[in-house]
Amino acid sequence: MTAAPVIVQPDLEAWVWANIRHLTPLGEVTSFAYSAVQHWPGWIYAYFVQVDARHRRKEAARALAETVRQTIVALPDVPWPEGTVCYVQPVEGPAWLPDDDGSPRYMARYEIRVHPRRGAAAPAPAEAP
């Protein structure tokens, strides 16, 4: 009996950061995946990512959040060695959500679905001699 291949889950969280980190000189940008789900039959992963954009001024934080949004929704057009971003949908924001100390912050959440690159199955275990 042959076991079903295990598909390697691509690191979308790192890919999102690789595409938005260059924006940090414009203000503070942070991102993290707060959920990830593998859809049946196993070659589509859905990630839910939050991105926060901060700045000293509310208008600048909003402008930074909009630049981040444009970058993230364009990910399906960006070549990625680990796979393909096949779907991006903003699910919340960008919306005003100041930090606890009142500092300007805009928050946005995205659903991003990815397809691992072909041949991204985990290697088969070596046979015993």
N, C-alpha and C. Protein backbone atom coordinates (compact mmCIF):
# COMPACT_ATOMS: atom_id res chain seq x y z
N MET A 1 0.84 -1.16 0.00
CA MET A 1 0.00 0.00 0.00
C MET A 1 0.90 1.24 0.00
N THR A 2 0.59 2.17 -0.84
CA THR A 2 1.35 3.41 -0.94
C THR A 2 0.66 4.51 -0.15
N ALA A 3 1.44 5.19 0.66
CA ALA A 3 0.88 6.29 1.46
C ALA A 3 0.69 7.52 0.56
N ALA A 4 -0.31 8.30 0.89
CA ALA A 4 -0.55 9.54 0.15
C ALA A 4 0.62 10.49 0.40
N PRO A 5 1.01 11.25 -0.62
CA PRO A 5 2.12 12.18 -0.41
C PRO A 5 1.73 13.31 0.55
N VAL A 6 2.70 13.75 1.29
CA VAL A 6 2.50 14.88 2.17
C VAL A 6 2.98 16.12 1.41
N ILE A 7 2.09 17.08 1.22
CA ILE A 7 2.44 18.30 0.50
C ILE A 7 3.12 19.26 1.46
N VAL A 8 4.25 19.80 1.07
CA VAL A 8 4.97 20.74 1.92
C VAL A 8 4.23 22.08 1.93
N GLN A 9 3.92 22.56 3.12
CA GLN A 9 3.19 23.82 3.26
C GLN A 9 4.16 24.98 3.05
N PRO A 10 3.92 25.83 2.05
CA PRO A 10 4.81 26.96 1.83
C PRO A 10 4.72 27.98 2.96
N ASP A 11 5.79 28.73 3.16
CA ASP A 11 5.84 29.72 4.24
C ASP A 11 5.33 31.07 3.73
N LEU A 12 4.01 31.18 3.64
CA LEU A 12 3.42 32.41 3.14
C LEU A 12 3.70 33.60 4.06
N GLU A 13 3.73 33.37 5.35
CA GLU A 13 3.98 34.47 6.29
C GLU A 13 5.31 35.15 5.96
N ALA A 14 6.34 34.37 5.68
CA ALA A 14 7.65 34.92 5.30
C ALA A 14 7.57 35.61 3.94
N TRP A 15 6.76 35.07 3.02
CA TRP A 15 6.63 35.66 1.68
C TRP A 15 5.93 37.03 1.75
N VAL A 16 4.91 37.12 2.56
CA VAL A 16 4.23 38.41 2.72
C VAL A 16 5.23 39.43 3.27
N TRP A 17 5.97 39.03 4.32
CA TRP A 17 6.93 39.96 4.92
C TRP A 17 8.01 40.36 3.91
N ALA A 18 8.48 39.43 3.10
CA ALA A 18 9.50 39.74 2.09
C ALA A 18 9.01 40.80 1.11
N ASN A 19 7.70 40.86 0.89
CA ASN A 19 7.14 41.81 -0.06
C ASN A 19 6.74 43.15 0.55
N ILE A 20 6.62 43.22 1.88
CA ILE A 20 6.22 44.50 2.49
C ILE A 20 7.29 45.11 3.39
N ARG A 21 8.33 44.37 3.71
CA ARG A 21 9.33 44.90 4.65
C ARG A 21 10.03 46.15 4.14
N HIS A 22 10.11 46.31 2.83
CA HIS A 22 10.75 47.50 2.28
C HIS A 22 9.96 48.77 2.60
N LEU A 23 8.73 48.62 3.09
CA LEU A 23 7.91 49.78 3.44
C LEU A 23 8.20 50.31 4.84
N THR A 24 8.99 49.59 5.63
CA THR A 24 9.23 50.02 7.01
C THR A 24 9.91 51.38 7.12
N PRO A 25 10.72 51.86 6.17
CA PRO A 25 11.23 53.23 6.31
C PRO A 25 10.11 54.29 6.27
N LEU A 26 8.96 53.94 5.73
CA LEU A 26 7.84 54.88 5.66
C LEU A 26 7.08 54.96 6.98
N GLY A 27 7.31 54.03 7.87
CA GLY A 27 6.61 53.94 9.15
C GLY A 27 6.87 52.55 9.69
N GLU A 28 6.10 52.10 10.63
CA GLU A 28 6.28 50.75 11.17
C GLU A 28 5.22 49.83 10.57
N VAL A 29 5.68 48.71 10.01
CA VAL A 29 4.78 47.71 9.44
C VAL A 29 5.07 46.39 10.14
N THR A 30 4.02 45.73 10.60
CA THR A 30 4.17 44.39 11.17
C THR A 30 3.13 43.48 10.51
N SER A 31 3.48 42.20 10.41
CA SER A 31 2.54 41.24 9.83
C SER A 31 2.71 39.89 10.52
N PHE A 32 1.62 39.13 10.55
CA PHE A 32 1.67 37.78 11.09
C PHE A 32 0.47 36.99 10.58
N ALA A 33 0.65 35.69 10.46
CA ALA A 33 -0.46 34.81 10.10
C ALA A 33 -1.13 34.38 11.41
N TYR A 34 -2.43 34.57 11.50
CA TYR A 34 -3.13 34.18 12.71
C TYR A 34 -3.91 32.89 12.53
N SER A 35 -3.94 32.37 11.31
CA SER A 35 -4.59 31.09 11.05
C SER A 35 -4.14 30.57 9.69
N ALA A 36 -4.12 29.25 9.55
CA ALA A 36 -3.81 28.63 8.27
C ALA A 36 -4.60 27.32 8.18
N VAL A 37 -5.17 27.06 7.01
CA VAL A 37 -6.01 25.90 6.81
C VAL A 37 -5.62 25.23 5.50
N GLN A 38 -5.50 23.91 5.53
CA GLN A 38 -5.26 23.17 4.29
C GLN A 38 -6.60 22.70 3.75
N HIS A 39 -6.90 23.10 2.51
CA HIS A 39 -8.16 22.69 1.90
C HIS A 39 -8.00 21.36 1.18
N TRP A 40 -9.07 20.62 1.14
CA TRP A 40 -9.09 19.36 0.41
C TRP A 40 -9.11 19.66 -1.07
N PRO A 41 -8.39 19.00 -1.91
CA PRO A 41 -7.66 17.75 -1.70
C PRO A 41 -6.22 17.92 -1.25
N GLY A 42 -5.82 19.05 -0.78
CA GLY A 42 -4.52 19.15 -0.14
C GLY A 42 -3.52 20.06 -0.81
N TRP A 43 -3.85 20.61 -1.94
CA TRP A 43 -2.84 21.45 -2.59
C TRP A 43 -3.17 22.94 -2.54
N ILE A 44 -4.16 23.30 -1.77
CA ILE A 44 -4.46 24.72 -1.55
C ILE A 44 -4.43 24.98 -0.04
N TYR A 45 -3.65 25.97 0.34
CA TYR A 45 -3.60 26.41 1.73
C TYR A 45 -4.19 27.81 1.80
N ALA A 46 -5.02 28.05 2.80
CA ALA A 46 -5.57 29.38 3.03
C ALA A 46 -4.94 29.93 4.30
N TYR A 47 -4.32 31.06 4.17
CA TYR A 47 -3.72 31.76 5.31
C TYR A 47 -4.55 33.00 5.60
N PHE A 48 -4.61 33.34 6.86
CA PHE A 48 -5.26 34.56 7.28
C PHE A 48 -4.17 35.40 7.94
N VAL A 49 -3.91 36.55 7.35
CA VAL A 49 -2.77 37.38 7.73
C VAL A 49 -3.27 38.74 8.19
N GLN A 50 -2.69 39.23 9.28
CA GLN A 50 -2.97 40.58 9.75
C GLN A 50 -1.74 41.44 9.52
N VAL A 51 -1.98 42.65 9.03
CA VAL A 51 -0.90 43.62 8.83
C VAL A 51 -1.30 44.91 9.55
N ASP A 52 -0.37 45.43 10.35
CA ASP A 52 -0.58 46.69 11.04
C ASP A 52 0.38 47.72 10.47
N ALA A 53 -0.11 48.92 10.24
CA ALA A 53 0.70 50.03 9.74
C ALA A 53 0.62 51.16 10.76
N ARG A 54 1.77 51.57 11.24
CA ARG A 54 1.84 52.63 12.27
C ARG A 54 2.68 53.80 11.76
N HIS A 55 2.35 54.95 12.27
CA HIS A 55 3.12 56.16 11.95
C HIS A 55 2.83 57.18 13.04
N ARG A 56 3.58 58.26 13.05
CA ARG A 56 3.34 59.31 14.04
C ARG A 56 2.05 60.06 13.78
N ARG A 57 1.62 60.12 12.51
CA ARG A 57 0.40 60.84 12.15
C ARG A 57 -0.63 59.86 11.57
N LYS A 58 -1.89 60.11 11.88
CA LYS A 58 -2.96 59.22 11.41
C LYS A 58 -2.99 59.15 9.89
N GLU A 59 -2.87 60.28 9.20
CA GLU A 59 -2.92 60.30 7.72
C GLU A 59 -1.78 59.47 7.12
N ALA A 60 -0.61 59.56 7.73
CA ALA A 60 0.54 58.80 7.23
C ALA A 60 0.36 57.31 7.48
N ALA A 61 -0.22 56.94 8.63
CA ALA A 61 -0.49 55.52 8.91
C ALA A 61 -1.49 54.96 7.91
N ARG A 62 -2.51 55.76 7.57
CA ARG A 62 -3.49 55.32 6.59
C ARG A 62 -2.87 55.16 5.21
N ALA A 63 -2.04 56.10 4.81
CA ALA A 63 -1.38 56.01 3.50
C ALA A 63 -0.47 54.78 3.44
N LEU A 64 0.22 54.49 4.53
CA LEU A 64 1.08 53.30 4.59
C LEU A 64 0.23 52.03 4.49
N ALA A 65 -0.89 51.99 5.19
CA ALA A 65 -1.79 50.82 5.12
C ALA A 65 -2.31 50.61 3.71
N GLU A 66 -2.58 51.69 2.99
CA GLU A 66 -3.05 51.57 1.61
C GLU A 66 -1.94 51.04 0.70
N THR A 67 -0.72 51.47 0.91
CA THR A 67 0.41 50.95 0.12
C THR A 67 0.60 49.47 0.39
N VAL A 68 0.47 49.07 1.66
CA VAL A 68 0.55 47.65 2.01
C VAL A 68 -0.56 46.88 1.31
N ARG A 69 -1.78 47.40 1.34
CA ARG A 69 -2.93 46.72 0.71
C ARG A 69 -2.67 46.51 -0.77
N GLN A 70 -2.19 47.52 -1.45
CA GLN A 70 -1.91 47.39 -2.88
C GLN A 70 -0.84 46.34 -3.15
N THR A 71 0.15 46.28 -2.29
CA THR A 71 1.22 45.28 -2.44
C THR A 71 0.68 43.87 -2.24
N ILE A 72 -0.13 43.68 -1.22
CA ILE A 72 -0.64 42.34 -0.91
C ILE A 72 -1.63 41.86 -1.97
N VAL A 73 -2.53 42.71 -2.44
CA VAL A 73 -3.49 42.24 -3.45
C VAL A 73 -2.82 41.96 -4.79
N ALA A 74 -1.60 42.46 -4.98
CA ALA A 74 -0.85 42.19 -6.22
C ALA A 74 0.01 40.92 -6.13
N LEU A 75 0.03 40.24 -4.98
CA LEU A 75 0.88 39.05 -4.82
C LEU A 75 0.63 37.95 -5.86
N PRO A 76 -0.59 37.75 -6.38
CA PRO A 76 -0.74 36.71 -7.40
C PRO A 76 0.11 36.95 -8.65
N ASP A 77 0.54 38.18 -8.87
CA ASP A 77 1.36 38.50 -10.05
C ASP A 77 2.86 38.43 -9.77
N VAL A 78 3.24 38.11 -8.53
CA VAL A 78 4.66 38.09 -8.16
C VAL A 78 5.16 36.65 -8.14
N PRO A 79 6.18 36.31 -8.94
CA PRO A 79 6.73 34.95 -8.92
C PRO A 79 7.28 34.61 -7.53
N TRP A 80 7.00 33.38 -7.09
CA TRP A 80 7.40 32.93 -5.76
C TRP A 80 7.99 31.53 -5.87
N PRO A 81 9.20 31.31 -5.40
CA PRO A 81 9.82 29.99 -5.54
C PRO A 81 9.10 28.86 -4.81
N GLU A 82 8.34 29.16 -3.76
CA GLU A 82 7.68 28.10 -2.99
C GLU A 82 6.32 27.71 -3.55
N GLY A 83 5.78 28.47 -4.49
CA GLY A 83 4.47 28.15 -5.03
C GLY A 83 3.86 29.32 -5.75
N THR A 84 2.53 29.38 -5.68
CA THR A 84 1.78 30.43 -6.36
C THR A 84 0.72 30.97 -5.42
N VAL A 85 0.67 32.28 -5.32
CA VAL A 85 -0.46 32.92 -4.62
C VAL A 85 -1.59 32.95 -5.63
N CYS A 86 -2.67 32.24 -5.33
CA CYS A 86 -3.74 32.11 -6.32
C CYS A 86 -5.01 32.90 -5.96
N TYR A 87 -5.02 33.52 -4.77
CA TYR A 87 -6.23 34.24 -4.34
C TYR A 87 -5.85 35.16 -3.19
N VAL A 88 -6.28 36.40 -3.27
CA VAL A 88 -6.10 37.35 -2.16
C VAL A 88 -7.41 38.11 -1.99
N GLN A 89 -7.89 38.16 -0.76
CA GLN A 89 -9.12 38.89 -0.48
C GLN A 89 -8.96 39.64 0.83
N PRO A 90 -9.04 40.97 0.81
CA PRO A 90 -9.09 41.68 2.09
C PRO A 90 -10.38 41.27 2.82
N VAL A 91 -10.27 40.88 4.08
CA VAL A 91 -11.45 40.48 4.84
C VAL A 91 -11.81 41.50 5.91
N GLU A 92 -10.86 42.35 6.31
CA GLU A 92 -11.12 43.44 7.24
C GLU A 92 -10.16 44.58 6.92
N GLY A 93 -10.68 45.80 6.92
CA GLY A 93 -9.84 46.98 6.81
C GLY A 93 -9.27 47.21 5.42
N PRO A 94 -8.29 48.08 5.35
CA PRO A 94 -7.64 48.76 6.46
C PRO A 94 -8.61 49.64 7.25
N ALA A 95 -8.48 49.53 8.56
CA ALA A 95 -9.37 50.27 9.46
C ALA A 95 -8.56 50.88 10.59
N TRP A 96 -9.04 52.02 11.06
CA TRP A 96 -8.39 52.74 12.14
C TRP A 96 -8.51 51.91 13.42
N LEU A 97 -7.38 51.59 14.02
CA LEU A 97 -7.35 50.82 15.26
C LEU A 97 -6.13 51.29 16.06
N PRO A 98 -6.25 52.43 16.74
CA PRO A 98 -5.08 52.98 17.43
C PRO A 98 -4.54 52.01 18.49
N ASP A 99 -3.23 52.11 18.73
CA ASP A 99 -2.62 51.32 19.79
C ASP A 99 -3.19 51.73 21.14
N ASP A 100 -2.92 50.94 22.16
CA ASP A 100 -3.44 51.22 23.51
C ASP A 100 -3.04 52.60 24.02
N ASP A 101 -1.87 53.09 23.58
CA ASP A 101 -1.42 54.41 24.03
C ASP A 101 -1.93 55.53 23.12
N GLY A 102 -2.79 55.20 22.15
CA GLY A 102 -3.36 56.19 21.25
C GLY A 102 -2.54 56.44 20.00
N SER A 103 -1.39 55.76 19.87
CA SER A 103 -0.55 55.96 18.68
C SER A 103 -1.30 55.51 17.42
N PRO A 104 -1.11 56.24 16.32
CA PRO A 104 -1.83 55.93 15.08
C PRO A 104 -1.47 54.55 14.50
N ARG A 105 -2.51 53.77 14.25
CA ARG A 105 -2.34 52.45 13.64
C ARG A 105 -3.56 52.15 12.79
N TYR A 106 -3.29 51.57 11.62
CA TYR A 106 -4.34 50.99 10.78
C TYR A 106 -4.08 49.50 10.71
N MET A 107 -5.13 48.72 10.80
CA MET A 107 -5.05 47.27 10.78
C MET A 107 -5.84 46.75 9.59
N ALA A 108 -5.31 45.70 8.95
CA ALA A 108 -6.04 45.03 7.87
C ALA A 108 -5.78 43.54 7.97
N ARG A 109 -6.79 42.77 7.58
CA ARG A 109 -6.66 41.31 7.55
C ARG A 109 -6.99 40.82 6.15
N TYR A 110 -6.26 39.79 5.75
CA TYR A 110 -6.38 39.26 4.39
C TYR A 110 -6.48 37.74 4.44
N GLU A 111 -7.29 37.19 3.53
CA GLU A 111 -7.25 35.76 3.26
C GLU A 111 -6.40 35.60 2.00
N ILE A 112 -5.37 34.77 2.11
CA ILE A 112 -4.46 34.54 0.99
C ILE A 112 -4.35 33.04 0.78
N ARG A 113 -4.73 32.59 -0.41
CA ARG A 113 -4.65 31.16 -0.72
C ARG A 113 -3.44 30.91 -1.62
N VAL A 114 -2.76 29.82 -1.31
CA VAL A 114 -1.55 29.49 -2.06
C VAL A 114 -1.60 28.04 -2.53
N HIS A 115 -0.91 27.82 -3.62
CA HIS A 115 -0.73 26.49 -4.19
C HIS A 115 0.76 26.20 -4.13
N PRO A 116 1.18 25.15 -3.40
CA PRO A 116 2.61 24.84 -3.35
C PRO A 116 3.15 24.56 -4.75
N ARG A 117 4.45 24.76 -4.93
CA ARG A 117 5.05 24.47 -6.23
C ARG A 117 4.91 22.98 -6.53
N ARG A 118 4.92 22.66 -7.81
CA ARG A 118 4.83 21.25 -8.19
C ARG A 118 6.02 20.50 -7.64
N GLY A 119 5.79 19.28 -7.23
CA GLY A 119 6.87 18.47 -6.68
C GLY A 119 7.25 18.85 -5.27
N ALA A 120 6.35 19.53 -4.55
CA ALA A 120 6.65 19.97 -3.20
C ALA A 120 6.24 18.94 -2.16
N ALA A 121 6.17 17.69 -2.56
CA ALA A 121 5.83 16.64 -1.60
C ALA A 121 7.05 16.32 -0.76
N ALA A 122 6.82 15.96 0.48
CA ALA A 122 7.91 15.57 1.36
C ALA A 122 8.60 14.33 0.80
N PRO A 123 9.91 14.24 0.94
CA PRO A 123 10.63 13.07 0.40
C PRO A 123 10.20 11.78 1.09
N ALA A 124 10.19 10.71 0.32
CA ALA A 124 9.82 9.41 0.87
C ALA A 124 10.93 8.92 1.80
N PRO A 125 10.56 8.22 2.86
CA PRO A 125 11.60 7.70 3.75
C PRO A 125 12.46 6.66 3.03
N ALA A 126 13.70 6.61 3.41
CA ALA A 126 14.64 5.64 2.79
C ALA A 126 14.24 4.24 3.20
N GLU A 127 14.41 3.29 2.30
CA GLU A 127 14.10 1.90 2.61
C GLU A 127 15.21 1.30 3.44
N ALA A 128 14.83 0.44 4.35
CA ALA A 128 15.82 -0.25 5.20
C ALA A 128 16.58 -1.26 4.35
N PRO A 129 17.89 -1.43 4.61
CA PRO A 129 18.68 -2.41 3.83
C PRO A 129 18.28 -3.83 4.09
